Amino acid sequence: MPPAKKRARSYDPAKTRTAVLTQLANVREAVRGLGPEQLDLPTRLGEWTVRDLITHIGMAVTAVHRAVEKPLPPKQTVTVAEWPFSTASNAAAIDDFTRGLTARHPDPGAYLDDVDRSLRALLDEHPGSRLLQTSAGALPLADYLVTRTVELVVHTDDLNAAVPGLDVPYDRQTLAAATRVLADALALKAPGGSTEVRVPPYAVVQCVEGPRHTRGTPPNVVETDPLTWIRLATGRVSWQDALAGAKVSASGERADLGGLLPVMA
């Protein structure tokens, strides 16, 4: 008998909305205190400056706006857990669009304030069940908003890495959703039940082909913290560097995830 199909994870739309708005507020508050020299600092994202990165954060949020403006798709074609696999193919277009936005919005703080106001209005106007045509495929607005938690957490981390002492906080609910999205994506990328990946306190998934674990301590276990997991899943840190820095523990012959990472390139 084939194994039962795993039920897709569900997310509370109200909590997701609050999470996205809260993390966006965290970034907005931090950006207000940045001067010209800090805005011109380099980031770990190629040639982007901090100013470009902030603009991109706003762009990632207003992807919801652009999707709402497109014709209503006939049916859902992608899930939240599948969304991470679509991002790499859009990298060049994202870079061009970001640079154009930076040129049009010289005050990044004012730009993010406008993004916040327009997002609130949009979410008040449209139900979470409304289908959107996105660059990844068609999915409900409430589900697409979940993917924005990944964008916000990943780029908050990029911002903190670029500006010494900035320390933008991570909203707990936003961090939890982002962790779960990327963990579920790994389980889709490497289906199976031989390895257990633990990211306490937010996610546990089974993945990798091989003997299925049923009870007791799994023979193959990977464990790390949420931010390290997000950095691994997005290519901000390599598997070998995380192991060497004791940021991840891996036990068992099928616990090497190096060949499966990053999940989201």
Protein backbone atom coordinates (compact mmCIF):
# COMPACT_ATOMS: atom_id res chain seq x y z
CA MET A 1 0.00 0.00 0.00
CA PRO A 2 1.48 3.41 -0.92
CA PRO A 3 2.06 5.85 1.90
CA ALA A 4 -0.74 8.27 2.67
CA LYS A 5 -0.38 11.67 1.06
CA LYS A 6 0.60 14.31 3.57
CA ARG A 7 -1.97 17.01 4.21
CA ALA A 8 -0.77 20.49 3.26
CA ARG A 9 -0.04 22.78 6.18
CA SER A 10 -2.65 25.43 6.84
CA TYR A 11 -2.08 28.98 8.02
CA ASP A 12 -4.44 31.26 9.93
CA PRO A 13 -5.15 34.23 7.60
CA ALA A 14 -5.63 36.69 10.47
CA LYS A 15 -2.33 35.68 12.07
CA THR A 16 -0.57 35.87 8.72
CA ARG A 17 -1.87 39.38 8.10
CA THR A 18 -0.75 40.51 11.54
CA ALA A 19 2.65 38.86 11.07
CA VAL A 20 3.33 40.55 7.72
CA LEU A 21 2.25 43.98 8.95
CA THR A 22 4.24 43.60 12.18
CA GLN A 23 7.48 42.62 10.45
CA LEU A 24 7.04 45.35 7.89
CA ALA A 25 6.59 47.79 10.81
CA ASN A 26 9.82 46.51 12.37
CA VAL A 27 11.69 47.26 9.16
CA ARG A 28 10.03 50.65 8.73
CA GLU A 29 11.02 51.70 12.24
CA ALA A 30 14.65 50.68 11.68
CA VAL A 31 14.89 52.37 8.29
CA ARG A 32 13.81 55.75 9.71
CA GLY A 33 17.09 56.00 11.59
CA LEU A 34 19.41 55.31 8.66
CA GLY A 35 21.51 58.10 7.18
CA PRO A 36 22.87 58.47 3.64
CA GLU A 37 26.13 56.67 4.46
CA GLN A 38 24.28 53.65 5.86
CA LEU A 39 21.88 53.57 2.92
CA ASP A 40 24.85 53.41 0.56
CA LEU A 41 26.48 50.46 2.36
CA PRO A 42 26.95 47.26 0.32
CA THR A 43 24.92 44.14 1.03
CA ARG A 44 25.54 40.44 0.50
CA LEU A 45 23.15 40.57 -2.47
CA GLY A 46 25.48 41.26 -5.36
CA GLU A 47 25.67 44.94 -6.25
CA TRP A 48 22.67 46.01 -4.20
CA THR A 49 23.17 48.71 -1.61
CA VAL A 50 21.14 48.95 1.60
CA ARG A 51 18.92 51.44 -0.23
CA ASP A 52 18.24 48.86 -2.97
CA LEU A 53 17.55 46.19 -0.37
CA ILE A 54 15.00 48.35 1.44
CA THR A 55 13.29 49.13 -1.85
CA HIS A 56 13.20 45.42 -2.63
CA ILE A 57 11.49 44.70 0.69
CA GLY A 58 8.74 47.09 -0.33
CA MET A 59 8.63 45.52 -3.78
CA ALA A 60 8.24 42.04 -2.27
CA VAL A 61 5.22 43.24 -0.31
CA THR A 62 3.62 45.05 -3.24
CA ALA A 63 3.86 41.88 -5.29
CA VAL A 64 0.43 41.32 -3.74
CA HIS A 65 -0.80 44.56 -5.30
CA ARG A 66 0.52 43.68 -8.74
CA ALA A 67 -1.08 40.24 -8.57
CA VAL A 68 -4.46 41.70 -7.65
CA GLU A 69 -4.34 43.89 -10.76
CA LYS A 70 -3.99 40.88 -13.06
CA PRO A 71 -6.97 38.96 -14.49
CA LEU A 72 -8.55 36.45 -12.12
CA PRO A 73 -7.07 33.00 -12.78
CA PRO A 74 -9.51 30.10 -13.32
CA LYS A 75 -8.01 27.81 -10.65
CA GLN A 76 -5.19 27.39 -8.18
CA THR A 77 -2.01 25.96 -9.73
CA VAL A 78 0.61 26.23 -6.98
CA THR A 79 0.80 25.74 -3.20
CA VAL A 80 2.62 27.70 -0.54
CA ALA A 81 5.23 24.93 -0.17
CA GLU A 82 5.89 24.95 -3.94
CA TRP A 83 6.38 28.71 -4.13
CA PRO A 84 10.11 28.70 -3.12
CA PHE A 85 11.04 26.74 -6.25
CA SER A 86 9.89 29.53 -8.56
CA THR A 87 12.06 32.38 -7.30
CA ALA A 88 15.42 31.65 -8.97
CA SER A 89 14.06 31.93 -12.51
CA ASN A 90 12.86 35.48 -11.85
CA ALA A 91 16.16 36.84 -10.46
CA ALA A 92 17.10 39.04 -13.43
CA ALA A 93 13.67 40.64 -13.69
CA ILE A 94 13.58 41.21 -9.93
CA ASP A 95 16.96 42.96 -10.06
CA ASP A 96 15.87 45.29 -12.87
CA PHE A 97 12.56 46.11 -11.22
CA THR A 98 14.23 46.79 -7.87
CA ARG A 99 16.74 49.21 -9.37
CA GLY A 100 13.96 51.05 -11.16
CA LEU A 101 12.00 51.42 -7.94
CA THR A 102 15.08 52.69 -6.10
CA ALA A 103 15.49 55.42 -8.69
CA ARG A 104 11.83 56.43 -8.38
CA HIS A 105 11.75 56.40 -4.56
CA PRO A 106 14.77 58.25 -3.17
CA ASP A 107 13.29 58.23 0.36
CA PRO A 108 13.05 54.52 1.32
CA GLY A 109 11.31 55.25 4.61
CA ALA A 110 8.50 57.18 2.93
CA TYR A 111 8.23 54.43 0.33
CA LEU A 112 7.74 51.73 2.98
CA ASP A 113 5.14 53.91 4.74
CA ASP A 114 3.21 54.09 1.46
CA VAL A 115 3.54 50.31 1.03
CA ASP A 116 2.10 49.74 4.50
CA ARG A 117 -0.91 51.99 3.89
CA SER A 118 -1.70 50.49 0.52
CA LEU A 119 -1.34 46.91 1.77
CA ARG A 120 -3.77 47.52 4.62
CA ALA A 121 -6.30 48.99 2.20
CA LEU A 122 -5.87 46.09 -0.21
CA LEU A 123 -6.35 43.46 2.49
CA ASP A 124 -9.45 45.24 3.73
CA GLU A 125 -10.91 45.24 0.23
CA HIS A 126 -10.16 41.70 -0.96
CA PRO A 127 -11.01 38.38 0.75
CA GLY A 128 -8.25 35.87 1.48
CA SER A 129 -9.93 33.38 -0.84
CA ARG A 130 -9.47 35.64 -3.86
CA LEU A 131 -7.23 33.88 -6.38
CA LEU A 132 -4.12 35.71 -7.57
CA GLN A 133 -2.00 35.13 -10.65
CA THR A 134 1.57 35.44 -9.38
CA SER A 135 4.96 34.81 -10.97
CA ALA A 136 4.93 31.40 -9.26
CA GLY A 137 1.43 30.43 -10.36
CA ALA A 138 -2.13 30.92 -9.16
CA LEU A 139 -2.99 30.71 -5.46
CA PRO A 140 -5.32 32.40 -2.96
CA LEU A 141 -4.38 35.81 -1.59
CA ALA A 142 -4.19 34.42 1.96
CA ASP A 143 -1.67 31.80 0.83
CA TYR A 144 0.39 34.29 -1.15
CA LEU A 145 0.57 36.49 1.91
CA VAL A 146 2.21 33.56 3.74
CA THR A 147 5.04 33.63 1.19
CA ARG A 148 5.61 37.29 2.05
CA THR A 149 6.71 36.20 5.53
CA VAL A 150 9.66 34.44 3.88
CA GLU A 151 10.59 37.55 1.92
CA LEU A 152 10.36 39.74 5.01
CA VAL A 153 12.40 37.48 7.29
CA VAL A 154 15.08 36.71 4.70
CA HIS A 155 15.59 40.36 3.82
CA THR A 156 15.41 41.55 7.41
CA ASP A 157 18.33 39.20 7.98
CA ASP A 158 20.11 40.65 4.93
CA LEU A 159 19.52 44.15 6.32
CA ASN A 160 20.88 43.24 9.74
CA ALA A 161 23.95 41.70 8.12
CA ALA A 162 24.60 44.84 6.07
CA VAL A 163 24.20 47.52 8.76
CA PRO A 164 26.27 46.97 11.92
CA GLY A 165 24.22 47.33 15.09
CA LEU A 166 20.88 47.71 13.31
CA ASP A 167 19.30 44.61 14.88
CA VAL A 168 15.84 44.78 13.31
CA PRO A 169 13.73 42.41 15.44
CA TYR A 170 11.98 39.35 14.03
CA ASP A 171 8.31 38.99 14.78
CA ARG A 172 7.76 35.52 16.22
CA GLN A 173 4.77 34.65 14.04
CA THR A 174 6.53 35.87 10.89
CA LEU A 175 9.63 33.84 11.71
CA ALA A 176 7.50 30.77 12.43
CA ALA A 177 5.66 30.95 9.11
CA ALA A 178 8.84 31.52 7.11
CA THR A 179 10.52 28.57 8.82
CA ARG A 180 7.59 26.27 8.07
CA VAL A 181 7.29 27.29 4.41
CA LEU A 182 10.94 26.47 3.74
CA ALA A 183 10.86 23.25 5.77
CA ASP A 184 7.82 22.04 3.84
CA ALA A 185 9.57 22.95 0.59
CA LEU A 186 12.49 20.70 1.57
CA ALA A 187 10.07 17.85 2.25
CA LEU A 188 8.63 18.33 -1.25
CA LYS A 189 12.06 18.52 -2.85
CA ALA A 190 13.28 15.32 -1.14
CA PRO A 191 10.18 13.24 -0.34
CA GLY A 192 10.61 10.36 2.05
CA GLY A 193 10.64 9.47 5.70
CA SER A 194 14.18 8.43 6.56
CA THR A 195 15.41 11.79 7.88
CA GLU A 196 13.81 14.09 10.41
CA VAL A 197 14.61 17.79 10.15
CA ARG A 198 13.90 19.71 13.33
CA VAL A 199 13.78 23.49 13.57
CA PRO A 200 12.51 24.11 17.09
CA PRO A 201 10.19 25.51 18.13
CA TYR A 202 8.50 25.95 14.75
CA ALA A 203 8.87 22.98 12.42
CA VAL A 204 9.58 19.26 12.11
CA VAL A 205 9.47 17.52 8.72
CA GLN A 206 10.28 14.07 7.39
CA CYS A 207 12.22 13.86 4.15
CA VAL A 208 14.77 11.88 2.07
CA GLU A 209 14.12 8.46 0.55
CA GLY A 210 15.03 5.41 2.61
CA PRO A 211 13.73 3.29 5.45
CA ARG A 212 10.77 5.04 7.08
CA HIS A 213 11.03 5.78 10.77
CA THR A 214 7.95 4.84 12.81
CA ARG A 215 8.76 5.11 16.52
CA GLY A 216 11.50 6.02 18.97
CA THR A 217 14.50 8.18 18.08
CA PRO A 218 14.90 8.54 14.30
CA PRO A 219 18.17 7.14 12.90
CA ASN A 220 18.80 10.30 10.83
CA VAL A 221 18.24 13.66 12.49
CA VAL A 222 19.11 17.23 11.49
CA GLU A 223 18.48 20.04 13.95
CA THR A 224 19.11 23.77 13.80
CA ASP A 225 17.63 27.10 14.87
CA PRO A 226 15.13 29.05 12.73
CA LEU A 227 17.49 31.75 11.41
CA THR A 228 20.21 29.25 10.54
CA TRP A 229 17.62 27.11 8.76
CA ILE A 230 16.40 30.12 6.76
CA ARG A 231 19.98 31.00 5.84
CA LEU A 232 20.65 27.42 4.74
CA ALA A 233 17.42 27.20 2.77
CA THR A 234 18.12 30.46 0.93
CA GLY A 235 21.85 30.01 0.35
CA ARG A 236 23.02 32.67 2.80
CA VAL A 237 25.18 30.05 4.53
CA SER A 238 26.50 26.75 3.23
CA TRP A 239 25.84 23.37 4.79
CA GLN A 240 29.54 22.83 5.47
CA ASP A 241 29.98 26.23 7.10
CA ALA A 242 26.93 25.68 9.30
CA LEU A 243 28.30 22.31 10.41
CA ALA A 244 31.77 23.74 11.03
CA GLY A 245 30.31 26.58 13.07
CA ALA A 246 28.17 24.20 15.14
CA LYS A 247 25.04 25.96 13.88
CA VAL A 248 23.51 22.65 12.81
CA SER A 249 23.73 19.10 14.14
CA ALA A 250 23.39 16.09 11.84
CA SER A 251 23.45 12.43 12.82
CA GLY A 252 22.93 9.37 10.63
CA GLU A 253 24.05 8.30 7.17
CA ARG A 254 21.15 10.13 5.50
CA ALA A 255 21.50 13.35 7.50
CA ASP A 256 23.72 15.18 5.00
CA LEU A 257 21.48 17.81 3.40
CA GLY A 258 24.28 19.55 1.54
CA GLY A 259 23.12 18.29 -1.84
CA LEU A 260 19.55 19.49 -1.25
CA LEU A 261 20.38 23.05 -0.24
CA PRO A 262 19.58 25.77 -0.86
CA VAL A 263 15.87 25.09 -1.24
CA MET A 264 15.21 28.61 -2.45
CA ALA A 265 18.02 29.92 -4.64
